[in-house]
Protein backbone atom coordinates (compact mmCIF):
# COMPACT_ATOMS: atom_id res chain seq x y z
CA UNK A 1 8.40 1.89 -37.28
CA UNK A 2 6.78 0.36 -34.21
CA UNK A 3 3.02 0.33 -33.88
CA UNK A 4 1.69 -0.34 -30.39
CA UNK A 5 -1.97 -1.09 -29.73
CA UNK A 6 -3.20 -0.46 -26.19
CA UNK A 7 -6.59 -1.85 -25.27
CA UNK A 8 -8.48 -0.53 -22.27
CA UNK A 9 -12.02 -1.01 -21.09
CA UNK A 10 -14.36 1.82 -21.94
CA UNK A 11 -14.99 3.01 -18.42
CA UNK A 12 -13.77 5.90 -16.39
CA UNK A 13 -11.65 5.94 -13.30
CA UNK A 14 -14.59 7.26 -11.26
CA UNK A 15 -18.27 6.20 -11.31
CA UNK A 16 -19.38 9.39 -13.08
CA UNK A 17 -17.11 8.76 -16.10
CA UNK A 18 -17.70 6.43 -19.03
CA UNK A 19 -14.38 6.61 -20.88
CA UNK A 20 -10.70 7.35 -20.63
CA UNK A 21 -10.07 11.11 -20.78
CA UNK A 22 -8.11 12.83 -23.53
CA UNK A 23 -5.44 13.73 -20.96
CA UNK A 24 -5.09 10.09 -19.87
CA UNK A 25 -4.82 8.96 -23.50
CA UNK A 26 -2.12 11.58 -24.14
CA UNK A 27 -0.20 10.31 -21.10
CA UNK A 28 -0.46 6.71 -22.34
CA UNK A 29 0.78 7.69 -25.81
CA UNK A 30 3.68 9.65 -24.34
CA UNK A 31 4.64 6.93 -21.88
CA UNK A 32 4.54 4.08 -24.40
CA UNK A 33 6.49 6.11 -26.93
CA UNK A 34 9.16 6.97 -24.35
CA UNK A 35 9.54 3.31 -23.37
CA UNK A 36 10.23 2.39 -26.99
CA UNK A 37 12.70 5.25 -27.24
CA UNK A 38 14.50 4.20 -24.04
CA UNK A 39 14.52 0.44 -24.66
CA UNK A 40 14.70 0.08 -28.44
CA UNK A 41 16.03 3.53 -29.36
CA UNK A 42 13.05 4.10 -31.67
CA UNK A 43 12.57 7.80 -32.45
CA UNK A 44 9.36 9.33 -31.10
CA UNK A 45 8.35 10.52 -34.56
CA UNK A 46 8.40 6.96 -35.94
CA UNK A 47 6.39 5.36 -33.13
CA UNK A 48 2.64 4.98 -33.51
CA UNK A 49 0.38 4.28 -30.54
CA UNK A 50 -3.25 3.28 -31.03
CA UNK A 51 -5.64 3.26 -28.09
CA UNK A 52 -8.68 1.04 -28.44
CA UNK A 53 -11.47 1.37 -25.91
CA UNK A 54 -13.40 -1.87 -25.51
CA UNK A 55 -16.93 -1.89 -24.10
CA UNK A 56 -16.91 -3.58 -20.71
CA UNK A 57 -19.48 -6.09 -22.05
CA UNK A 58 -16.82 -7.26 -24.52
CA UNK A 59 -14.07 -7.78 -21.95
CA UNK A 60 -13.54 -10.79 -19.74
CA UNK A 61 -11.00 -12.93 -17.95
CA UNK A 62 -10.98 -15.94 -15.70
CA UNK A 63 -13.63 -17.48 -17.95
CA UNK A 64 -16.17 -14.79 -17.05
CA UNK A 65 -17.38 -11.43 -18.34
CA UNK A 66 -15.46 -8.64 -16.58
CA UNK A 67 -18.31 -7.50 -14.30
CA UNK A 68 -19.06 -11.06 -13.14
CA UNK A 69 -15.38 -11.66 -12.46
CA UNK A 70 -15.09 -8.41 -10.50
CA UNK A 71 -18.20 -9.29 -8.47
CA UNK A 72 -16.77 -12.72 -7.73
CA UNK A 73 -13.42 -11.23 -6.65
CA UNK A 74 -15.12 -8.61 -4.49
CA UNK A 75 -17.09 -11.32 -2.72
CA UNK A 76 -13.95 -13.38 -2.15
CA UNK A 77 -12.11 -10.34 -0.74
CA UNK A 78 -14.88 -9.79 1.83
CA UNK A 79 -14.69 -13.40 3.02
């Protein structure tokens, strides 16, 4: 029985949204489950997918909080 945890930042794909939509979550669950079926032959009914939305303040990479890192990258791209 595989259990897959998918973490995403709690933000939308457009500026007016603040979270991942129910439709997007359903697509993630379906896609992850189908990958496990195709690769490991795990039945869909025995695969669990958990989606965790993480506040953007609690997400970081490159040694920086996510928004600082994005700002830094955006500045570098303009140079």
